[in-house]
Amino acid sequence: MEIKEPKVFISYSWSGQIHQEQVKRWADRLLADNIDIVLDIYDLNEGDDKYAFMEQMVTDKTVTHVLVICDKKYSEKADSRKAGVGTESQIISQEVYEKVKQSKFIPIVCEFDEDGQPYLPTFLKSRIWINFSSTEAENENWEQLTRLLYGKPLHVKPKKGKTPFYISKEQNLPTSESFAKFSSLQQALLQGKMGIKKYRRDFLDTCIKYADDLRTRERPNTENFGEKVLDDANKLKPIRDLITDWILVESEITSEDEFSNVLIEFLEKLKELKARPPEISSWNDSWFEAHSVFVYETFLYVVAALLKTECYHTLHEVFTSHYLLASPQRIHRDSKFESFGGFYGYSDALQKVLAPEGRRLYAPAAELVKRHADREDLPFVSIIQAELLTLLMAFISEETRWYPQTFHYSTYEYEYPFFVRATQHKYFKKLAVVTGIQDIEELRKKVREGHERLNVNNWYEFRFERDFWGTMNMEKLDSLK
C-alpha cells in the first residue's frame, strides 16, 4: 500500500540553546521516521528573508503540517506580536481562523504554567494539542504524532452496518416493545444492575405475547393460507433475532447453572406456541404452521448461539431436559412431558408459496429458514451445524425423532468446525460435555443405533449425504491428542 510521505514545517521560538537543540532532536527523529522536515537551522541560509521564509512555509501547499512548538516564550511573543514569532503567528493565525476545520497546524506543548495549564498562544488555545513537556511524555505520544502526520490514526471509524430491522421493515414495528425491553435487559446485564430477573422476565414475556397474538384463533381463508403462514413467519422473525441476541449476551455473563434453568423454562413456553390456544375448542393443527416453523427455527438459532458462546453444559441441559407439554396437549396423554424433539416443525402450506415453478421442495420450512438466514454473526452454515448437532443428539436419545431439514441445502463446500475440531481430544471433550458420553466407541455405538431407529437409510432425497456419519466426523473423532 502506497503511503504519502508528509512534509512538516516546525515553528518555534529561539528561547535558548537548549530549547533549540531539543527542537533539532525532534526534527532528526521525525526524519528518521521518513518524514520530510523544514527547519530554519537546516533550510534558512544567510541572506534569506526569514519572514518570507516563514510565510512561504505556512502557506506552502506541499507542507502537509506545521508543528507549532509552544512554550512560555513562544506564547508571550506570539500574543504580543514580538520578533519572528509574532510575525509568524500573524501568518498562522490568519490561516487558522480562515480554515478552522483543517488540521494543518498541530500545537506541541513543551511547558505548563503553575496552574497546570499548557502555554499556548491565544489563536491556538481551542486546538487539540500533543504533550511533549518531558522525555516520558514525548515517548508516550510519539506514535500519536507520527500517525497524525501520516494520516494513519490508531482508531479508525468502522464502516456503517446494516439498517436495523426495526427501522427498515415497517411491518415489524409492533416488535418495538420487545426491542425496548431487550435494550433495557442488555444494559442491565452489561452494567451489573440489580433486578436482572425482572428485566429478563419483562423481555421474554413481551416476546411470547407478541408471538401468541399472531396465533390463529379463527378459521382462516384456505385460498391464500400459504401467504398467511409466510406473512406470519416473517413477522415472527424479529422475535427470533431478539431471542438469539439475548442468548448471545446473557450466556456469557450469567452463570451456566442459572442461565440453563432460565433458558429451559423459556423454551418450554416457546414450545407451547405450536399448540392451539387453550380458549379455542375447534381447530386444525395446520392453523399453527407459522408458529411451528418459528419454534423450529428459533430452536436451531438457540443451539447455534450456545455453540458460539461455548455454553456446552447449557446445551447438554437443552438436549436432555424433559419439557412439559402445553395444557391442551396433556389431555389423553400418558406422559405429560416430551424431549427436545418437540421443537421440530414443518409446514406444508409453505410449499405453494416458496417452491419455484415446476419444482417441489423437500422441506419448505428449511427453505424459509435459509431465506431468513441474514445474520452475519450466525450465517446459514452455522444453523446447519446446529441441526447436525441436534440430529446427533436425536441419534443417541431413544425417545427423540428428528429430520434434518436444513441439510437439503448442505454442500461439499460447507464445513462444520465443531465436529472437525473434535478430532482433537481437547475439543472432543467439549462434544462429550454436550452428549454426556465420554467414550468415543460408546458414542459411535449409540449413533449407529440411532441410524437404525430413525431409519436413516430411507432418507433418499438428500443429495449430499444421508447417513451423516462422515459429516459428523465419526471415524476421526478423538483421534488426535
Protein backbone atom coordinates (compact mmCIF):
# COMPACT_ATOMS: atom_id res chain seq x y z
CA MET A 1 0.00 0.00 0.00
CA GLU A 2 1.41 3.36 -1.08
CA ILE A 3 1.75 5.82 1.80
CA LYS A 4 2.11 9.52 1.05
CA GLU A 5 5.13 10.97 2.82
CA PRO A 6 4.32 14.02 4.97
CA LYS A 7 6.23 17.29 4.79
CA VAL A 8 6.39 19.22 8.05
CA PHE A 9 7.44 22.77 8.90
CA ILE A 10 8.49 23.36 12.51
CA SER A 11 7.71 26.77 14.01
CA TYR A 12 9.36 27.57 17.35
CA SER A 13 10.85 30.36 19.43
CA TRP A 14 14.60 30.79 19.86
CA SER A 15 14.25 30.54 23.63
CA GLY A 16 17.79 29.39 24.11
CA GLN A 17 20.42 26.93 23.02
CA ILE A 18 18.95 24.01 24.98
CA HIS A 19 15.48 24.54 23.55
CA GLN A 20 16.86 24.83 20.01
CA GLU A 21 18.80 21.58 20.41
CA GLN A 22 15.66 19.86 21.69
CA VAL A 23 13.71 21.03 18.62
CA LYS A 24 16.55 19.80 16.40
CA ARG A 25 16.45 16.40 18.11
CA TRP A 26 12.72 16.12 17.41
CA ALA A 27 13.31 17.11 13.78
CA ASP A 28 16.02 14.47 13.42
CA ARG A 29 13.77 11.84 14.96
CA LEU A 30 10.99 12.72 12.52
CA LEU A 31 13.45 12.50 9.63
CA ALA A 32 14.40 9.04 10.86
CA ASP A 33 10.70 8.13 10.56
CA ASN A 34 10.80 9.14 6.86
CA ILE A 35 9.07 12.49 7.44
CA ASP A 36 10.39 15.41 5.42
CA ILE A 37 11.24 18.32 7.75
CA VAL A 38 11.58 22.04 7.04
CA LEU A 39 13.51 23.74 9.85
CA ASP A 40 15.26 27.09 9.89
CA ILE A 41 18.61 25.69 11.04
CA TYR A 42 18.58 23.37 8.00
CA ASP A 43 16.72 25.38 5.38
CA LEU A 44 17.20 29.09 6.18
CA ASN A 45 20.53 30.32 4.82
CA GLU A 46 22.49 33.51 5.26
CA GLY A 47 20.95 36.33 3.24
CA ASP A 48 17.48 34.75 3.17
CA ASP A 49 14.47 36.76 4.31
CA LYS A 50 13.31 34.88 7.39
CA TYR A 51 9.83 36.44 7.33
CA ALA A 52 9.31 35.49 3.69
CA PHE A 53 10.59 32.02 4.57
CA MET A 54 8.05 31.70 7.40
CA GLU A 55 5.14 32.88 5.25
CA GLN A 56 6.13 30.57 2.42
CA MET A 57 6.30 27.52 4.71
CA VAL A 58 2.97 28.28 6.40
CA THR A 59 1.13 28.81 3.12
CA ASP A 60 3.03 26.25 1.01
CA LYS A 61 0.53 23.60 -0.19
CA THR A 62 3.26 20.94 -0.25
CA VAL A 63 3.69 21.37 3.52
CA THR A 64 1.17 18.95 4.98
CA HIS A 65 1.54 20.06 8.60
CA VAL A 66 3.00 22.84 10.73
CA LEU A 67 4.24 21.83 14.16
CA VAL A 68 3.93 24.81 16.49
CA ILE A 69 6.35 24.24 19.38
CA CYS A 70 4.66 26.03 22.27
CA ASP A 71 6.50 27.10 25.42
CA LYS A 72 6.16 30.16 27.63
CA LYS A 73 8.33 32.43 25.48
CA TYR A 74 6.65 31.37 22.24
CA SER A 75 3.20 32.12 23.70
CA GLU A 76 4.29 35.51 25.06
CA LYS A 77 5.94 36.56 21.79
CA ALA A 78 3.00 35.37 19.71
CA ASP A 79 0.40 37.15 21.83
CA SER A 80 2.43 40.39 21.87
CA ARG A 81 3.41 40.05 18.20
CA LYS A 82 7.09 40.26 19.05
CA ALA A 83 10.00 39.37 16.76
CA GLY A 84 9.84 36.49 14.30
CA VAL A 85 7.34 34.52 16.29
CA GLY A 86 5.00 37.48 16.28
CA THR A 87 5.17 37.81 12.51
CA GLU A 88 4.89 34.06 12.04
CA SER A 89 1.93 33.83 14.42
CA GLN A 90 0.11 36.52 12.45
CA ILE A 91 0.51 34.40 9.33
CA ILE A 92 -0.55 31.21 11.15
CA SER A 93 -3.49 32.82 12.93
CA GLN A 94 -4.90 34.10 9.69
CA GLU A 95 -4.64 30.61 8.22
CA VAL A 96 -6.17 29.08 11.35
CA TYR A 97 -9.11 31.45 11.56
CA GLU A 98 -9.84 31.24 7.83
CA LYS A 99 -9.73 27.44 7.78
CA VAL A 100 -10.97 26.38 11.21
CA LYS A 101 -11.69 22.77 10.26
CA GLN A 102 -8.36 21.96 8.71
CA SER A 103 -5.74 20.22 10.83
CA LYS A 104 -2.57 21.54 9.27
CA PHE A 105 -1.39 23.26 12.49
CA ILE A 106 -0.52 20.98 15.42
CA PRO A 107 0.38 22.56 18.78
CA ILE A 108 3.21 20.74 20.57
CA VAL A 109 3.13 21.72 24.24
CA CYS A 110 6.53 21.90 25.92
CA GLU A 111 5.69 23.74 29.12
CA PHE A 112 2.83 24.20 31.61
CA ASP A 113 2.11 27.13 33.94
CA GLU A 114 1.85 26.89 37.72
CA ASP A 115 -1.84 26.01 37.44
CA GLY A 116 -1.06 23.05 35.19
CA GLN A 117 -2.37 24.78 32.06
CA PRO A 118 -0.36 24.49 28.82
CA TYR A 119 1.35 27.58 27.45
CA LEU A 120 -0.45 28.19 24.17
CA PRO A 121 -0.80 31.38 22.12
CA THR A 122 -4.32 32.74 22.08
CA PHE A 123 -5.01 31.75 18.49
CA LEU A 124 -4.24 28.07 19.32
CA LYS A 125 -5.99 27.69 22.67
CA SER A 126 -9.00 25.93 21.16
CA ARG A 127 -6.84 23.45 19.27
CA ILE A 128 -6.17 19.83 20.36
CA TRP A 129 -2.53 19.68 21.39
CA ILE A 130 0.12 16.98 21.97
CA ASN A 131 2.14 16.86 25.16
CA PHE A 132 5.95 16.88 24.68
CA SER A 133 6.74 18.55 28.03
CA SER A 134 9.03 15.73 29.20
CA THR A 135 11.00 12.84 27.79
CA GLU A 136 8.37 10.45 29.13
CA ALA A 137 5.54 12.43 27.52
CA GLU A 138 7.45 12.61 24.25
CA ASN A 139 7.98 8.84 24.11
CA GLU A 140 4.39 8.15 25.15
CA ASN A 141 2.92 10.44 22.47
CA TRP A 142 5.41 9.96 19.65
CA GLU A 143 3.34 7.33 17.85
CA GLN A 144 0.29 9.58 18.10
CA LEU A 145 2.21 12.38 16.38
CA THR A 146 3.67 10.25 13.59
CA ARG A 147 0.31 8.58 12.93
CA LEU A 148 -1.28 12.02 12.72
CA LEU A 149 1.36 13.23 10.25
CA TYR A 150 0.93 10.15 8.07
CA GLY A 151 -2.86 10.30 8.31
CA LYS A 152 -2.97 6.81 9.84
CA PRO A 153 -4.78 7.20 13.18
CA LEU A 154 -4.79 4.35 15.69
CA HIS A 155 -8.58 4.40 15.91
CA VAL A 156 -10.45 4.26 12.62
CA LYS A 157 -14.20 4.67 12.41
CA PRO A 158 -15.68 1.32 11.32
CA LYS A 159 -17.84 1.01 8.23
CA LYS A 160 -21.54 1.56 8.63
CA GLY A 161 -23.52 -1.63 9.13
CA LYS A 162 -26.99 -2.59 8.03
CA THR A 163 -30.03 -0.57 8.97
CA PRO A 164 -31.69 -2.25 11.99
CA PHE A 165 -34.66 -4.38 11.04
CA TYR A 166 -36.99 -2.37 13.26
CA ILE A 167 -36.16 0.75 11.22
CA SER A 168 -36.12 -0.68 7.72
CA LYS A 169 -39.12 -3.01 7.94
CA GLU A 170 -42.29 -1.13 8.69
CA GLN A 171 -44.30 -4.32 9.10
CA ASN A 172 -42.14 -5.29 12.08
CA LEU A 173 -42.78 -2.15 14.09
CA PRO A 174 -45.07 -3.97 16.58
CA THR A 175 -41.93 -5.68 17.92
CA SER A 176 -40.62 -2.33 19.17
CA GLU A 177 -41.80 -3.11 22.71
CA SER A 178 -39.78 -6.33 22.75
CA PHE A 179 -36.78 -4.46 21.34
CA ALA A 180 -37.07 -1.78 24.04
CA LYS A 181 -37.32 -4.45 26.75
CA PHE A 182 -34.27 -6.21 25.34
CA SER A 183 -32.29 -2.95 25.28
CA SER A 184 -33.10 -2.42 28.96
CA LEU A 185 -32.11 -6.01 29.80
CA GLN A 186 -28.88 -5.76 27.84
CA GLN A 187 -27.91 -2.53 29.59
CA ALA A 188 -28.73 -4.02 32.99
CA LEU A 189 -26.62 -7.12 32.25
CA LEU A 190 -23.62 -5.17 30.97
CA GLN A 191 -23.74 -2.70 33.88
CA GLY A 192 -24.34 -5.36 36.52
CA LYS A 193 -27.56 -3.78 37.74
CA MET A 194 -29.82 -5.26 40.38
CA GLY A 195 -33.12 -6.81 39.37
CA ILE A 196 -31.92 -8.74 36.31
CA LYS A 197 -34.76 -11.24 36.80
CA LYS A 198 -37.37 -8.52 36.31
CA TYR A 199 -35.66 -7.09 33.22
CA ARG A 200 -35.38 -10.59 31.77
CA ARG A 201 -38.95 -11.57 32.62
CA ASP A 202 -40.32 -8.37 31.06
CA PHE A 203 -38.36 -9.02 27.87
CA LEU A 204 -39.22 -12.69 27.49
CA ASP A 205 -42.88 -12.11 28.34
CA THR A 206 -43.20 -9.50 25.59
CA CYS A 207 -41.63 -11.92 23.10
CA ILE A 208 -44.09 -14.67 23.99
CA LYS A 209 -47.03 -12.24 23.96
CA TYR A 210 -46.12 -10.86 20.54
CA ALA A 211 -45.88 -14.36 19.10
CA ASP A 212 -49.05 -15.52 20.86
CA ASP A 213 -51.04 -12.60 19.46
CA LEU A 214 -50.25 -13.91 15.97
CA ARG A 215 -51.67 -17.37 16.68
CA THR A 216 -54.73 -18.16 14.61
CA ARG A 217 -57.91 -18.27 16.66
CA GLU A 218 -60.49 -18.28 13.87
CA ARG A 219 -60.85 -20.46 10.81
CA PRO A 220 -58.51 -18.97 8.16
CA ASN A 221 -59.21 -18.48 4.47
CA THR A 222 -57.86 -21.62 2.82
CA GLU A 223 -57.42 -19.98 -0.61
CA ASN A 224 -54.47 -17.84 0.50
CA PHE A 225 -53.47 -19.74 3.62
CA GLY A 226 -49.88 -20.24 2.40
CA GLU A 227 -49.45 -16.49 2.08
CA LYS A 228 -50.77 -16.02 5.61
CA VAL A 229 -48.32 -18.60 7.00
CA LEU A 230 -45.46 -16.87 5.20
CA ASP A 231 -46.58 -13.43 6.36
CA ASP A 232 -46.86 -14.56 9.99
CA ALA A 233 -43.49 -16.32 9.81
CA ASN A 234 -41.89 -13.13 8.51
CA LYS A 235 -43.49 -11.14 11.32
CA LEU A 236 -42.07 -13.61 13.86
CA LYS A 237 -38.50 -13.40 12.53
CA PRO A 238 -37.57 -10.24 14.53
CA ILE A 239 -38.51 -12.09 17.73
CA ARG A 240 -36.22 -14.93 16.69
CA ASP A 241 -33.42 -12.41 16.34
CA LEU A 242 -34.10 -10.78 19.71
CA ILE A 243 -34.13 -14.17 21.45
CA THR A 244 -30.84 -15.01 19.73
CA ASP A 245 -29.34 -11.67 20.80
CA TRP A 246 -30.43 -12.32 24.37
CA ILE A 247 -28.70 -15.70 24.43
CA LEU A 248 -25.50 -14.32 22.90
CA VAL A 249 -25.37 -11.60 25.57
CA GLU A 250 -26.55 -13.29 28.76
CA SER A 251 -24.97 -16.70 28.22
CA GLU A 252 -21.55 -15.05 28.56
CA ILE A 253 -22.48 -13.08 31.69
CA THR A 254 -24.80 -15.20 33.85
CA SER A 255 -23.54 -18.45 35.39
CA GLU A 256 -24.35 -21.52 33.30
CA ASP A 257 -26.41 -23.15 36.06
CA GLU A 258 -28.66 -20.14 36.43
CA PHE A 259 -28.85 -19.43 32.72
CA SER A 260 -29.66 -23.06 31.88
CA ASN A 261 -32.64 -23.04 34.23
CA VAL A 262 -33.92 -19.76 32.79
CA LEU A 263 -33.48 -20.96 29.20
CA ILE A 264 -35.21 -24.31 29.75
CA GLU A 265 -38.18 -22.57 31.34
CA PHE A 266 -38.38 -20.14 28.43
CA LEU A 267 -38.06 -22.87 25.80
CA GLU A 268 -40.98 -24.66 27.41
CA LYS A 269 -43.12 -21.55 26.93
CA LEU A 270 -41.81 -21.12 23.40
CA LYS A 271 -42.81 -24.69 22.51
CA GLU A 272 -46.36 -24.08 23.70
CA LEU A 273 -46.82 -21.63 20.81
CA LYS A 274 -47.04 -24.61 18.44
CA ALA A 275 -50.21 -25.83 20.15
CA ARG A 276 -53.70 -24.43 19.96
CA PRO A 277 -54.55 -21.61 22.36
CA PRO A 278 -56.44 -23.15 25.30
CA GLU A 279 -59.50 -20.96 24.77
CA ILE A 280 -60.42 -22.41 21.38
CA SER A 281 -62.16 -25.78 21.05
CA SER A 282 -62.42 -26.17 17.28
CA TRP A 283 -59.23 -26.05 15.25
CA ASN A 284 -56.92 -27.71 12.76
CA ASP A 285 -53.24 -28.22 13.53
CA SER A 286 -52.32 -26.62 10.20
CA TRP A 287 -53.54 -23.29 11.56
CA PHE A 288 -50.37 -23.07 13.64
CA GLU A 289 -47.80 -23.92 10.96
CA ALA A 290 -46.22 -20.45 11.08
CA HIS A 291 -45.55 -20.91 14.79
CA SER A 292 -44.39 -24.47 14.25
CA VAL A 293 -41.72 -23.22 11.83
CA PHE A 294 -40.92 -20.28 14.11
CA VAL A 295 -40.31 -22.58 17.10
CA TYR A 296 -38.20 -24.94 14.96
CA GLU A 297 -36.15 -22.09 13.50
CA THR A 298 -35.68 -20.37 16.86
CA PHE A 299 -34.57 -23.63 18.48
CA LEU A 300 -31.83 -24.04 15.86
CA TYR A 301 -30.70 -20.46 16.49
CA VAL A 302 -30.63 -21.16 20.24
CA VAL A 303 -28.34 -24.14 19.63
CA ALA A 304 -26.14 -22.14 17.21
CA ALA A 305 -25.85 -19.25 19.68
CA LEU A 306 -24.88 -21.57 22.54
CA LEU A 307 -22.23 -23.19 20.33
CA LYS A 308 -20.88 -19.75 19.51
CA THR A 309 -20.62 -18.78 23.20
CA GLU A 310 -19.27 -22.26 24.08
CA CYS A 311 -22.00 -22.98 26.64
CA TYR A 312 -21.69 -26.76 26.38
CA HIS A 313 -23.23 -27.55 29.77
CA THR A 314 -26.25 -25.46 28.82
CA LEU A 315 -26.51 -27.32 25.50
CA HIS A 316 -26.46 -30.61 27.42
CA GLU A 317 -29.37 -29.38 29.54
CA VAL A 318 -31.30 -28.24 26.47
CA PHE A 319 -30.93 -31.64 24.83
CA THR A 320 -31.52 -33.81 27.92
CA SER A 321 -34.33 -31.91 29.65
CA HIS A 322 -37.96 -33.02 29.54
CA TYR A 323 -40.34 -30.27 28.53
CA LEU A 324 -43.85 -30.03 29.92
CA LEU A 325 -46.49 -30.28 27.24
CA ALA A 326 -48.89 -27.40 26.71
CA SER A 327 -52.11 -27.89 28.66
CA PRO A 328 -54.21 -28.75 25.56
CA GLN A 329 -51.64 -31.40 24.60
CA ARG A 330 -51.65 -33.07 28.02
CA ILE A 331 -55.20 -34.32 27.59
CA HIS A 332 -55.35 -38.05 26.85
CA ARG A 333 -51.55 -38.38 27.08
CA ASP A 334 -49.84 -40.93 29.28
CA SER A 335 -46.77 -38.74 29.56
CA LYS A 336 -47.01 -35.04 30.33
CA PHE A 337 -43.51 -34.37 29.00
CA GLU A 338 -41.57 -34.66 25.76
CA SER A 339 -37.95 -34.37 24.66
CA PHE A 340 -36.35 -31.65 22.53
CA GLY A 341 -37.93 -33.39 19.54
CA GLY A 342 -41.00 -31.30 20.37
CA PHE A 343 -39.25 -28.27 18.88
CA TYR A 344 -39.26 -29.83 15.41
CA GLY A 345 -41.55 -28.04 12.98
CA TYR A 346 -42.62 -28.11 9.35
CA SER A 347 -45.16 -26.55 7.01
CA ASP A 348 -46.99 -27.99 4.05
CA ALA A 349 -48.68 -24.66 3.33
CA LEU A 350 -45.34 -23.02 2.51
CA GLN A 351 -44.77 -25.44 -0.36
CA LYS A 352 -47.03 -23.50 -2.70
CA VAL A 353 -45.66 -20.03 -1.91
CA LEU A 354 -41.95 -20.87 -1.65
CA ALA A 355 -41.35 -23.54 -4.30
CA PRO A 356 -40.02 -22.33 -7.65
CA GLU A 357 -42.36 -23.01 -10.53
CA GLY A 358 -42.33 -26.66 -11.52
CA ARG A 359 -40.27 -27.76 -8.53
CA ARG A 360 -41.17 -29.49 -5.29
CA LEU A 361 -39.36 -28.59 -2.07
CA TYR A 362 -38.35 -31.47 0.16
CA ALA A 363 -38.50 -29.20 3.20
CA PRO A 364 -40.37 -25.88 2.78
CA ALA A 365 -39.58 -24.95 6.39
CA ALA A 366 -35.86 -25.22 5.65
CA GLU A 367 -36.30 -23.06 2.57
CA LEU A 368 -37.80 -20.37 4.78
CA VAL A 369 -35.01 -20.76 7.36
CA LYS A 370 -32.49 -20.31 4.56
CA ARG A 371 -34.22 -17.15 3.31
CA HIS A 372 -34.34 -15.82 6.87
CA ALA A 373 -30.63 -16.51 7.46
CA ASP A 374 -29.36 -12.94 7.17
CA ARG A 375 -27.34 -12.64 10.39
CA GLU A 376 -23.62 -12.08 9.90
CA ASP A 377 -22.75 -13.46 13.35
CA LEU A 378 -24.69 -16.69 12.73
CA PRO A 379 -24.72 -17.42 8.98
CA PHE A 380 -26.76 -20.23 7.47
CA VAL A 381 -23.89 -22.73 7.71
CA SER A 382 -23.93 -22.20 11.50
CA ILE A 383 -27.62 -23.08 11.55
CA ILE A 384 -26.97 -26.29 9.57
CA GLN A 385 -24.21 -27.16 12.05
CA ALA A 386 -26.67 -26.58 14.89
CA GLU A 387 -29.10 -29.01 13.23
CA LEU A 388 -26.28 -31.52 12.73
CA LEU A 389 -25.63 -31.44 16.48
CA THR A 390 -29.37 -31.73 17.11
CA LEU A 391 -29.51 -34.79 14.84
CA LEU A 392 -26.57 -36.33 16.69
CA MET A 393 -28.42 -35.84 19.97
CA ALA A 394 -31.52 -37.39 18.40
CA PHE A 395 -29.44 -40.42 17.39
CA ILE A 396 -28.35 -41.02 20.98
CA SER A 397 -31.70 -40.12 22.62
CA GLU A 398 -34.00 -43.13 22.39
CA GLU A 399 -37.24 -41.19 22.78
CA THR A 400 -36.45 -38.49 20.20
CA ARG A 401 -37.07 -38.25 16.47
CA TRP A 402 -35.64 -35.55 14.22
CA TYR A 403 -35.38 -34.98 10.49
CA PRO A 404 -32.54 -32.58 9.47
CA GLN A 405 -34.41 -30.35 7.04
CA THR A 406 -31.69 -27.74 6.51
CA PHE A 407 -29.31 -30.44 5.21
CA HIS A 408 -31.15 -30.31 1.92
CA TYR A 409 -29.09 -27.14 1.43
CA SER A 410 -25.74 -28.51 2.60
CA THR A 411 -22.94 -28.70 0.04
CA TYR A 412 -19.47 -30.20 -0.20
CA GLU A 413 -18.03 -26.73 0.38
CA TYR A 414 -19.60 -26.46 3.83
CA GLU A 415 -17.55 -27.47 6.86
CA TYR A 416 -18.83 -27.86 10.37
CA PRO A 417 -15.92 -26.78 12.61
CA PHE A 418 -17.37 -28.02 15.90
CA PHE A 419 -17.20 -31.57 14.55
CA VAL A 420 -13.94 -31.14 12.62
CA ARG A 421 -12.12 -29.75 15.66
CA ALA A 422 -13.40 -32.65 17.77
CA THR A 423 -10.79 -34.76 16.00
CA GLN A 424 -8.52 -33.40 18.75
CA HIS A 425 -9.09 -34.79 22.23
CA LYS A 426 -9.39 -31.38 23.89
CA TYR A 427 -12.24 -30.43 21.53
CA PHE A 428 -13.85 -33.86 21.71
CA LYS A 429 -14.17 -33.24 25.45
CA LYS A 430 -16.43 -30.28 24.61
CA LEU A 431 -18.61 -32.52 22.45
CA ALA A 432 -18.58 -35.05 25.30
CA VAL A 433 -19.99 -32.42 27.65
CA VAL A 434 -22.91 -31.87 25.25
CA THR A 435 -23.60 -35.56 24.66
CA GLY A 436 -22.77 -36.77 28.17
CA ILE A 437 -20.74 -39.60 26.58
CA GLN A 438 -17.01 -39.58 27.30
CA ASP A 439 -16.01 -42.70 25.37
CA ILE A 440 -15.82 -42.41 21.58
CA GLU A 441 -16.68 -46.05 20.97
CA GLU A 442 -19.80 -45.77 23.09
CA LEU A 443 -20.79 -42.65 21.14
CA ARG A 444 -20.32 -44.45 17.81
CA LYS A 445 -22.41 -47.36 19.04
CA LYS A 446 -25.22 -45.02 20.09
CA VAL A 447 -25.11 -43.18 16.76
CA ARG A 448 -25.33 -46.45 14.79
CA GLU A 449 -28.34 -47.48 16.86
CA GLY A 450 -29.89 -44.08 16.18
CA HIS A 451 -29.42 -44.55 12.45
CA GLU A 452 -31.43 -47.75 12.59
CA ARG A 453 -34.12 -46.38 14.89
CA LEU A 454 -34.70 -43.32 12.69
CA ASN A 455 -34.49 -45.46 9.53
CA VAL A 456 -31.96 -43.07 8.01
CA ASN A 457 -31.26 -45.39 5.07
CA ASN A 458 -34.65 -44.48 3.66
CA TRP A 459 -33.88 -40.76 3.57
CA TYR A 460 -33.18 -40.94 -0.17
CA GLU A 461 -33.90 -37.33 -1.00
CA PHE A 462 -30.63 -35.93 0.40
CA ARG A 463 -28.27 -35.06 -2.46
CA PHE A 464 -25.23 -34.57 -0.23
CA GLU A 465 -25.04 -37.35 2.34
CA ARG A 466 -27.87 -39.16 4.03
CA ASP A 467 -26.10 -41.24 6.67
CA PHE A 468 -24.40 -38.16 8.24
CA TRP A 469 -21.66 -40.40 9.64
CA GLY A 470 -18.94 -38.66 7.64
CA THR A 471 -20.42 -35.21 8.16
CA MET A 472 -20.31 -35.79 11.90
CA ASN A 473 -16.65 -36.82 11.52
CA MET A 474 -17.44 -40.01 13.46
CA GLU A 475 -14.42 -42.01 12.26
CA LYS A 476 -11.91 -39.34 13.24
CA LEU A 477 -13.43 -38.01 16.47
CA ASP A 478 -10.98 -38.05 19.38
CA SER A 479 -8.17 -39.46 17.20
CA LEU A 480 -5.61 -36.71 17.89
CA LYS A 481 -4.25 -35.98 21.35
